[in-house]
C-alpha atoms as a PDB file:
ATOM      1  CA  MET A   1    -151.788 234.297 175.096  1.00  0.00           C
ATOM      2  CA  PRO A   2    -149.975 230.883 176.217  1.00  0.00           C
ATOM      3  CA  LEU A   3    -153.757 229.342 177.329  1.00  0.00           C
ATOM      4  CA  GLN A   4    -155.566 230.556 174.686  1.00  0.00           C
ATOM      5  CA  HIS A   5    -152.899 228.441 172.432  1.00  0.00           C
ATOM      6  CA  ALA A   6    -152.911 225.538 174.236  1.00  0.00           C
ATOM      7  CA  VAL A   7    -156.944 225.698 174.525  1.00  0.00           C
ATOM      8  CA  LEU A   8    -156.886 225.557 170.636  1.00  0.00           C
ATOM      9  CA  ALA A   9    -154.149 222.842 170.614  1.00  0.00           C
ATOM     10  CA  LEU A  10    -156.798 220.427 173.003  1.00  0.00           C
ATOM     11  CA  LEU A  11    -159.463 221.591 170.699  1.00  0.00           C
ATOM     12  CA  GLY A  12    -157.378 219.572 168.280  1.00  0.00           C
ATOM     13  CA  ASP A  13    -158.215 216.561 169.210  1.00  0.00           C
ATOM     14  CA  GLY A  14    -161.857 216.788 169.109  1.00  0.00           C
ATOM     15  CA  PRO A  15    -165.116 219.113 170.165  1.00  0.00           C
ATOM     16  CA  ALA A  16    -164.913 219.116 173.841  1.00  0.00           C
ATOM     17  CA  HIS A  17    -166.838 221.494 176.255  1.00  0.00           C
ATOM     18  CA  GLY A  18    -164.963 224.024 179.173  1.00  0.00           C
ATOM     19  CA  TYR A  19    -165.011 220.940 181.587  1.00  0.00           C
ATOM     20  CA  GLN A  20    -163.625 218.751 179.648  1.00  0.00           C
ATOM     21  CA  ILE A  21    -160.879 221.333 178.309  1.00  0.00           C
ATOM     22  CA  ARG A  22    -160.198 221.408 181.594  1.00  0.00           C
ATOM     23  CA  ALA A  23    -159.560 218.323 182.596  1.00  0.00           C
ATOM     24  CA  ALA A  24    -157.641 217.186 179.584  1.00  0.00           C
ATOM     25  CA  PHE A  25    -155.350 220.394 180.371  1.00  0.00           C
ATOM     26  CA  GLU A  26    -154.564 219.142 184.193  1.00  0.00           C
ATOM     27  CA  GLU A  27    -153.812 215.964 182.796  1.00  0.00           C
ATOM     28  CA  ALA A  28    -151.708 216.891 180.304  1.00  0.00           C
ATOM     29  CA  VAL A  29    -149.200 219.251 182.040  1.00  0.00           C
ATOM     30  CA  GLY A  30    -149.936 217.632 185.272  1.00  0.00           C
ATOM     31  CA  PRO A  31    -150.235 219.429 189.204  1.00  0.00           C
ATOM     32  CA  GLN A  32    -146.855 221.537 189.358  1.00  0.00           C
ATOM     33  CA  TRP A  33    -148.550 224.340 186.868  1.00  0.00           C
ATOM     34  CA  GLY A  34    -152.037 224.422 188.869  1.00  0.00           C
ATOM     35  CA  GLY A  35    -155.656 224.025 188.809  1.00  0.00           C
ATOM     36  CA  LEU A  36    -157.444 225.997 185.755  1.00  0.00           C
ATOM     37  CA  ASN A  37    -160.809 228.077 187.058  1.00  0.00           C
ATOM     38  CA  ILE A  38    -163.686 227.123 184.922  1.00  0.00           C
ATOM     39  CA  GLY A  39    -164.680 230.495 184.752  1.00  0.00           C
ATOM     40  CA  HIS A  40    -161.509 231.459 182.902  1.00  0.00           C
ATOM     41  CA  VAL A  41    -161.736 228.715 180.834  1.00  0.00           C
ATOM     42  CA  TYR A  42    -164.816 230.019 179.818  1.00  0.00           C
ATOM     43  CA  GLN A  43    -163.398 233.284 178.705  1.00  0.00           C
ATOM     44  CA  ILE A  44    -161.222 232.190 177.302  1.00  0.00           C
ATOM     45  CA  LEU A  45    -163.381 230.178 174.934  1.00  0.00           C
ATOM     46  CA  ASP A  46    -165.695 232.856 174.706  1.00  0.00           C
ATOM     47  CA  ARG A  47    -162.655 235.543 173.019  1.00  0.00           C
ATOM     48  CA  LEU A  48    -161.554 232.386 170.983  1.00  0.00           C
ATOM     49  CA  ALA A  49    -164.939 231.901 169.728  1.00  0.00           C
ATOM     50  CA  ARG A  50    -165.590 235.851 169.189  1.00  0.00           C
ATOM     51  CA  ASP A  51    -161.856 235.653 167.101  1.00  0.00           C
ATOM     52  CA  GLY A  52    -163.345 233.354 164.985  1.00  0.00           C
ATOM     53  CA  LEU A  53    -161.015 231.110 166.548  1.00  0.00           C
ATOM     54  CA  VAL A  54    -163.384 228.351 166.974  1.00  0.00           C
ATOM     55  CA  THR A  55    -167.311 227.752 167.074  1.00  0.00           C
ATOM     56  CA  SER A  56    -169.703 226.102 169.644  1.00  0.00           C
ATOM     57  CA  THR A  57    -172.901 224.459 169.452  1.00  0.00           C
ATOM     58  CA  LEU A  58    -175.690 223.923 172.139  1.00  0.00           C
ATOM     59  CA  VAL A  59    -175.917 220.012 172.606  1.00  0.00           C
ATOM     60  CA  PRO A  60    -179.324 218.904 174.477  1.00  0.00           C
ATOM     61  CA  GLN A  61    -178.923 217.198 177.618  1.00  0.00           C
ATOM     62  CA  SER A  62    -182.229 215.984 179.713  1.00  0.00           C
ATOM     63  CA  SER A  63    -182.014 216.621 183.049  1.00  0.00           C
ATOM     64  CA  ARG A  64    -179.411 219.507 182.493  1.00  0.00           C
ATOM     65  CA  PRO A  65    -179.364 222.443 181.075  1.00  0.00           C
ATOM     66  CA  ASP A  66    -178.083 222.195 177.155  1.00  0.00           C
ATOM     67  CA  ARG A  67    -173.999 222.160 176.976  1.00  0.00           C
ATOM     68  CA  LYS A  68    -171.999 224.082 174.806  1.00  0.00           C
ATOM     69  CA  VAL A  69    -169.486 222.148 172.774  1.00  0.00           C
ATOM     70  CA  TYR A  70    -166.690 223.576 171.016  1.00  0.00           C
ATOM     71  CA  GLN A  71    -164.889 222.979 167.598  1.00  0.00           C
ATOM     72  CA  LEU A  72    -161.750 224.432 166.201  1.00  0.00           C
ATOM     73  CA  THR A  73    -162.039 226.266 163.140  1.00  0.00           C
ATOM     74  CA  ASP A  74    -159.873 226.071 160.263  1.00  0.00           C
ATOM     75  CA  THR A  75    -158.828 230.104 161.300  1.00  0.00           C
ATOM     76  CA  GLY A  76    -157.638 228.656 164.793  1.00  0.00           C
ATOM     77  CA  ARG A  77    -155.775 225.925 163.161  1.00  0.00           C
ATOM     78  CA  ALA A  78    -153.766 228.019 161.301  1.00  0.00           C
ATOM     79  CA  GLU A  79    -153.507 230.230 164.397  1.00  0.00           C
ATOM     80  CA  LEU A  80    -152.176 227.817 166.159  1.00  0.00           C
ATOM     81  CA  GLU A  81    -149.788 226.456 163.663  1.00  0.00           C
ATOM     82  CA  SER A  82    -148.372 229.590 163.400  1.00  0.00           C
ATOM     83  CA  TRP A  83    -147.939 229.720 167.401  1.00  0.00           C
ATOM     84  CA  LEU A  84    -146.136 226.575 167.176  1.00  0.00           C
ATOM     85  CA  GLY A  85    -143.522 228.055 164.539  1.00  0.00           C
ATOM     86  CA  GLU A  86    -142.414 230.674 166.536  1.00  0.00           C
ATOM     87  CA  PRO A  87    -139.647 230.584 169.700  1.00  0.00           C
ATOM     88  CA  ALA A  88    -141.042 230.872 173.391  1.00  0.00           C
ATOM     89  CA  GLU A  89    -140.210 233.926 174.551  1.00  0.00           C
ATOM     90  CA  HIS A  90    -140.313 235.759 178.006  1.00  0.00           C
ATOM     91  CA  THR A  91    -141.927 239.148 177.486  1.00  0.00           C
ATOM     92  CA  GLY A  92    -142.168 242.030 179.920  1.00  0.00           C
ATOM     93  CA  GLY A  93    -138.265 241.907 181.683  1.00  0.00           C
ATOM     94  CA  TYR A  94    -137.562 239.598 184.301  1.00  0.00           C
ATOM     95  CA  ARG A  95    -138.970 240.538 187.348  1.00  0.00           C
ATOM     96  CA  ASP A  96    -138.668 238.562 190.924  1.00  0.00           C
ATOM     97  CA  ASP A  97    -139.964 239.234 194.034  1.00  0.00           C
ATOM     98  CA  LEU A  98    -136.971 238.406 195.979  1.00  0.00           C
ATOM     99  CA  VAL A  99    -135.313 240.518 194.153  1.00  0.00           C
ATOM    100  CA  LEU A 100    -137.826 243.209 195.882  1.00  0.00           C
ATOM    101  CA  LYS A 101    -137.168 241.411 199.033  1.00  0.00           C
ATOM    102  CA  LEU A 102    -133.240 242.384 199.305  1.00  0.00           C
ATOM    103  CA  MET A 103    -134.167 245.447 197.989  1.00  0.00           C
ATOM    104  CA  ALA A 104    -135.771 246.252 201.508  1.00  0.00           C
ATOM    105  CA  ALA A 105    -133.795 244.202 203.696  1.00  0.00           C
ATOM    106  CA  ALA A 106    -130.675 245.988 202.219  1.00  0.00           C
ATOM    107  CA  ARG A 107    -131.859 249.219 203.877  1.00  0.00           C
ATOM    108  CA  GLY A 108    -132.277 247.996 206.531  1.00  0.00           C
ATOM    109  CA  SER A 109    -128.817 245.992 207.590  1.00  0.00           C
ATOM    110  CA  GLU A 110    -126.819 243.470 206.546  1.00  0.00           C
ATOM    111  CA  GLN A 111    -128.086 241.306 209.593  1.00  0.00           C
ATOM    112  CA  ALA A 112    -131.685 241.799 207.769  1.00  0.00           C
ATOM    113  CA  LEU A 113    -130.701 240.773 204.704  1.00  0.00           C
ATOM    114  CA  LEU A 114    -128.735 237.293 206.072  1.00  0.00           C
ATOM    115  CA  GLY A 115    -131.988 236.928 207.250  1.00  0.00           C
ATOM    116  CA  VAL A 116    -134.241 237.383 204.107  1.00  0.00           C
ATOM    117  CA  LEU A 117    -131.605 235.329 202.584  1.00  0.00           C
ATOM    118  CA  SER A 118    -131.637 232.034 205.162  1.00  0.00           C
ATOM    119  CA  ARG A 119    -135.472 231.841 205.290  1.00  0.00           C
ATOM    120  CA  GLN A 120    -135.332 231.779 201.265  1.00  0.00           C
ATOM    121  CA  ARG A 121    -132.606 229.262 201.067  1.00  0.00           C
ATOM    122  CA  HIS A 122    -134.573 226.697 203.254  1.00  0.00           C
ATOM    123  CA  HIS A 123    -137.856 228.216 201.321  1.00  0.00           C
ATOM    124  CA  GLU A 124    -136.369 226.786 198.431  1.00  0.00           C
ATOM    125  CA  LEU A 125    -134.607 223.755 199.442  1.00  0.00           C
ATOM    126  CA  THR A 126    -137.538 222.359 200.939  1.00  0.00           C
ATOM    127  CA  ARG A 127    -139.417 223.110 197.758  1.00  0.00           C
ATOM    128  CA  LEU A 128    -136.519 221.228 195.660  1.00  0.00           C
ATOM    129  CA  LYS A 129    -137.074 218.450 197.956  1.00  0.00           C
ATOM    130  CA  ALA A 130    -141.224 218.408 197.377  1.00  0.00           C
ATOM    131  CA  LEU A 131    -139.995 218.679 193.496  1.00  0.00           C
ATOM    132  CA  ASN A 132    -138.282 215.986 193.381  1.00  0.00           C
ATOM    133  CA  ALA A 133    -140.918 213.899 195.545  1.00  0.00           C
ATOM    134  CA  LEU A 134    -143.385 214.740 192.384  1.00  0.00           C
ATOM    135  CA  ALA A 135    -140.459 214.047 189.992  1.00  0.00           C
ATOM    136  CA  ARG A 136    -140.311 210.481 191.050  1.00  0.00           C
ATOM    137  CA  GLU A 137    -144.043 210.109 191.047  1.00  0.00           C
ATOM    138  CA  HIS A 138    -144.681 211.309 187.724  1.00  0.00           C
ATOM    139  CA  ARG A 139    -141.042 210.142 185.781  1.00  0.00           C
ATOM    140  CA  ASP A 140    -144.092 207.893 183.168  1.00  0.00           C
ATOM    141  CA  ALA A 141    -145.268 210.983 182.369  1.00  0.00           C
ATOM    142  CA  PRO A 142    -143.274 212.449 179.960  1.00  0.00           C
ATOM    143  CA  LEU A 143    -144.365 216.612 179.331  1.00  0.00           C
ATOM    144  CA  VAL A 144    -145.338 216.631 182.927  1.00  0.00           C
ATOM    145  CA  ALA A 145    -141.927 215.099 184.267  1.00  0.00           C
ATOM    146  CA  LEU A 146    -140.447 218.192 181.583  1.00  0.00           C
ATOM    147  CA  LEU A 147    -142.459 220.546 183.730  1.00  0.00           C
ATOM    148  CA  LEU A 148    -141.141 219.069 187.032  1.00  0.00           C
ATOM    149  CA  ASP A 149    -137.666 219.023 184.993  1.00  0.00           C
ATOM    150  CA  ALA A 150    -137.981 222.869 184.744  1.00  0.00           C
ATOM    151  CA  ALA A 151    -139.283 223.734 188.061  1.00  0.00           C
ATOM    152  CA  ILE A 152    -136.403 222.114 189.552  1.00  0.00           C
ATOM    153  CA  LEU A 153    -133.967 223.821 187.324  1.00  0.00           C
ATOM    154  CA  HIS A 154    -135.902 227.137 188.524  1.00  0.00           C
ATOM    155  CA  THR A 155    -135.471 226.154 191.905  1.00  0.00           C
ATOM    156  CA  ARG A 156    -131.568 225.517 191.929  1.00  0.00           C
ATOM    157  CA  ALA A 157    -131.296 228.742 189.874  1.00  0.00           C
ATOM    158  CA  ASP A 158    -132.749 230.163 193.099  1.00  0.00           C
ATOM    159  CA  LEU A 159    -130.411 228.638 195.297  1.00  0.00           C
ATOM    160  CA  GLU A 160    -127.706 230.041 192.969  1.00  0.00           C
ATOM    161  CA  LEU A 161    -128.934 233.504 193.804  1.00  0.00           C
ATOM    162  CA  VAL A 162    -129.203 233.138 197.213  1.00  0.00           C
ATOM    163  CA  ASP A 163    -125.481 232.226 197.406  1.00  0.00           C
ATOM    164  CA  ARG A 164    -124.471 235.030 195.479  1.00  0.00           C
ATOM    165  CA  ALA A 165    -126.645 237.711 197.191  1.00  0.00           C
ATOM    166  CA  GLU A 166    -125.407 236.068 200.523  1.00  0.00           C
ATOM    167  CA  GLN A 167    -121.856 236.763 199.035  1.00  0.00           C
ATOM    168  CA  ARG A 168    -122.987 240.161 198.022  1.00  0.00           C
ATOM    169  CA  ALA A 169    -124.833 241.181 201.166  1.00  0.00           C
ATOM    170  CA  ALA A 170    -122.241 244.215 202.785  1.00  0.00           C
ATOM    171  CA  GLN A 171    -122.039 245.227 198.969  1.00  0.00           C
ATOM    172  CA  LEU A 172    -125.505 245.426 198.891  1.00  0.00           C
ATOM    173  CA  VAL A 173    -126.292 246.814 201.830  1.00  0.00           C
ATOM    174  CA  ARG A 174    -123.941 250.229 201.005  1.00  0.00           C
ATOM    175  CA  GLN A 175    -125.016 250.158 197.852  1.00  0.00           C
ATOM    176  CA  ALA A 176    -128.548 251.044 199.506  1.00  0.00           C
ATOM    177  CA  SER A 177    -127.777 253.053 201.788  1.00  0.00           C
ATOM    178  CA  GLY A 178    -125.582 255.166 199.421  1.00  0.00           C
ATOM    179  CA  THR A 179    -128.798 255.291 196.791  1.00  0.00           C
ATOM    180  CA  SER A 180    -131.297 256.271 199.311  1.00  0.00           C
ATOM    181  CA  ARG A 181    -129.209 259.163 200.781  1.00  0.00           C
ATOM    182  CA  ALA A 182    -128.345 260.119 196.558  1.00  0.00           C
ATOM    183  CA  ALA A 183    -131.975 260.197 196.212  1.00  0.00           C
ATOM    184  CA  ILE A 184    -133.065 261.953 199.215  1.00  0.00           C
ATOM    185  CA  GLN A 185    -130.481 264.510 198.674  1.00  0.00           C
ATOM    186  CA  GLY A 186    -131.649 264.835 194.825  1.00  0.00           C
ATOM    187  CA  THR A 187    -134.804 265.533 195.786  1.00  0.00           C
ATOM    188  CA  GLY A 188    -134.140 268.304 197.890  1.00  0.00           C
ATOM    189  CA  ARG A 189    -132.108 269.989 195.502  1.00  0.00           C
ATOM    190  CA  ALA A 190    -134.894 269.274 192.853  1.00  0.00           C
ATOM    191  CA  ASP A 191    -137.191 270.747 195.552  1.00  0.00           C
ATOM    192  CA  GLU A 192    -134.957 274.191 195.733  1.00  0.00           C
ATOM    193  CA  ALA A 193    -134.464 274.640 191.863  1.00  0.00           C
ATOM    194  CA  THR A 194    -138.476 274.300 191.635  1.00  0.00           C
ATOM    195  CA  ALA A 195    -138.587 277.328 194.008  1.00  0.00           C
ATOM    196  CA  THR A 196    -136.002 278.918 192.640  1.00  0.00           C
ATOM    197  CA  ARG A 197    -137.747 278.770 189.459  1.00  0.00           C
ATOM    198  CA  GLN A 198    -141.003 279.766 191.053  1.00  0.00           C
ATOM    199  CA  SER A 199    -139.320 283.151 192.496  1.00  0.00           C
ATOM    200  CA  ILE A 200    -138.133 284.032 189.423  1.00  0.00           C
ATOM    201  CA  ALA A 201    -141.085 283.735 187.618  1.00  0.00           C
ATOM    202  CA  ASP A 202    -143.222 285.337 190.367  1.00  0.00           C
ATOM    203  CA  GLU A 203    -140.325 288.541 190.018  1.00  0.00           C
ATOM    204  CA  VAL A 204    -141.103 288.644 186.454  1.00  0.00           C
ATOM    205  CA  VAL A 205    -144.618 289.190 186.969  1.00  0.00           C
ATOM    206  CA  TRP A 206    -144.649 291.593 190.033  1.00  0.00           C
ATOM    207  CA  ARG A 207    -141.991 294.113 187.742  1.00  0.00           C
ATOM    208  CA  SER A 208    -143.952 293.386 184.489  1.00  0.00           C
ATOM    209  CA  PRO A 209    -145.615 296.685 183.218  1.00  0.00           C
ATOM    210  CA  SER A 210    -148.769 295.264 182.913  1.00  0.00           C
ATOM    211  CA  ALA A 211    -148.953 293.738 186.730  1.00  0.00           C
END
């Protein structure tokens, strides 16, 4: 998992405890990624330790419970290098909540669909404005700037999708209406076929000499 490998990379800088790892991650990638839950960080560390990719040592503290400090193992370093040697890939197909909204709205009316698209465009433009402001604020942090560039490009692509969906609004509504009728009719035919098969089976049982 990418976050596991990010933790391995951060431990490549030296031993650290969970809060240090969380702080280093958030400093490295900036606000656009979102904060890491400390409980999730320790779940990742426990999994890495179980797999032999990191080790941990208890460090005594005078006024607090002992702190667990984690260190990268040779196996963990090899795993990190293997991960870096592979291209990043999106898995599980492409899913977008907007497509589900379009599917639902198209089953109502073209006006409903255009309303969804109008609200989405306003949302994306507002988001784009905020992202551009963040990009100016973090222009001196190369990795954070790259992540913000990616978010800006994705947002522009979402705006392009809204434009294309608006151009095809009438077609989307017609298709939704047609597929809904076909699905209902198909279900009806399937129910009739099932009933016919059951009737034949009952007839065979009734006529069977052993019945």
